[in-house]
Protein backbone atom coordinates (compact mmCIF):
# COMPACT_ATOMS: atom_id res chain seq x y z
CA MET A 1 31.31 57.79 137.59
CA LEU A 2 29.21 54.71 137.20
CA LYS A 3 27.69 54.87 140.41
CA LYS A 4 26.73 58.55 139.90
CA MET A 5 25.24 57.64 136.50
CA ALA A 6 23.37 54.73 137.95
CA ASP A 7 21.84 57.00 140.70
CA LYS A 8 20.79 59.45 138.18
CA LEU A 9 19.04 56.75 135.92
CA LYS A 10 17.69 54.96 139.03
CA LYS A 11 19.56 51.72 138.11
CA SER A 12 22.16 49.79 139.57
CA PRO A 13 25.73 50.24 138.46
CA ALA A 14 25.81 46.64 137.02
CA GLN A 15 22.56 47.60 135.04
CA VAL A 16 24.24 50.74 133.62
CA ALA A 17 27.44 48.87 132.70
CA LEU A 18 25.49 46.07 130.94
CA ARG A 19 23.23 48.57 129.22
CA TRP A 20 26.17 50.58 128.08
CA LEU A 21 27.71 47.40 126.55
CA VAL A 22 24.41 46.54 124.66
CA GLN A 23 24.24 50.06 123.27
CA GLN A 24 27.85 49.72 122.10
CA GLY A 25 26.57 46.67 120.03
CA ILE A 26 28.43 44.19 122.36
CA GLY A 27 26.41 41.09 123.31
CA VAL A 28 26.17 40.27 127.10
CA ILE A 29 25.25 37.19 128.88
CA PRO A 30 24.48 38.32 132.56
CA ARG A 31 23.71 35.63 135.05
CA SER A 32 22.74 35.49 138.63
CA SER A 33 21.24 32.92 141.21
CA LYS A 34 19.42 35.79 143.03
CA GLU A 35 15.94 36.43 141.97
CA GLU A 36 16.26 40.29 142.24
CA HIS A 37 19.32 40.22 139.99
CA ILE A 38 17.59 37.90 137.41
CA LYS A 39 14.68 40.42 137.20
CA ALA A 40 17.15 43.20 136.93
CA ASN A 41 19.01 41.63 134.17
CA LEU A 42 15.70 41.03 132.22
CA ASP A 43 14.87 44.66 132.69
CA LEU A 44 18.07 45.51 130.74
CA PHE A 45 16.15 45.78 127.41
CA SER A 46 13.32 48.07 128.57
CA TRP A 47 15.26 51.09 128.84
CA GLU A 48 18.24 53.10 127.32
CA ILE A 49 20.97 55.37 128.45
CA PRO A 50 20.16 58.77 127.01
CA GLU A 51 22.43 59.93 124.32
CA GLU A 52 23.99 62.83 126.46
CA ASP A 53 24.84 60.31 129.29
CA LEU A 54 26.05 57.75 126.86
CA SER A 55 28.52 60.38 125.48
CA VAL A 56 29.65 61.14 129.11
CA LEU A 57 30.24 57.43 129.72
CA ASN A 58 32.07 56.98 126.28
CA VAL A 59 34.36 59.89 127.10
CA ALA A 60 35.04 58.70 130.66
CA LEU A 61 35.87 55.29 129.38
CA GLY A 62 38.01 56.50 126.51
CA MET A 63 35.71 55.23 123.88
CA ASP A 64 34.74 58.62 122.19
CA ALA A 65 37.35 58.04 119.56
CA VAL A 66 36.77 54.40 118.92
CA GLU A 67 35.12 53.57 115.57
CA GLN A 68 32.05 51.49 115.97
CA ASP A 69 31.84 48.09 114.27
CA ASP A 70 29.23 48.09 111.46
CA GLY A 71 28.30 44.39 112.03
CA ARG A 72 30.40 43.05 109.22
CA GLY A 73 33.55 42.76 111.14
CA HIS A 74 35.03 46.21 110.38
CA GLY A 75 34.34 49.75 110.85
CA GLY A 76 32.02 51.87 108.88
CA GLY A 77 34.66 53.11 106.36
CA GLY A 78 35.43 51.35 103.08
CA GLY A 79 34.22 48.03 101.78
CA SER A 80 35.36 44.52 101.98
CA PRO A 81 38.66 43.64 100.29
CA HIS A 82 36.83 40.96 98.58
CA GLU A 83 34.27 43.22 96.92
CA GLU A 84 36.45 43.74 93.84
CA LEU A 85 36.42 40.03 93.02
C-alpha cells in the first residue's frame, strides 16, 4: 500500500510515511547520513498527501476511527476538567 501510494505521489515510501505522520500532527525527527536522504527529508514540508489519498492511508492503517488530538492533550470533544474551577 505504501509503495503504491509513493509511486503515485512520486515520492519514496519513507517520505510518504513521514509526511503522513506530520499530517496527523505527530512530530518527526528524520535523520540520515546520506546527502540524498537529507535532501528528501528537507523536502518533506514542501508537499502534502492529498485528502483522498490521506483517507485511503488512514483506513488502511486503521486510523479512520481515531479521534484527533486538538493540541491540548485531549480530543476535540468537551473541555478540560479544570475549566470549572
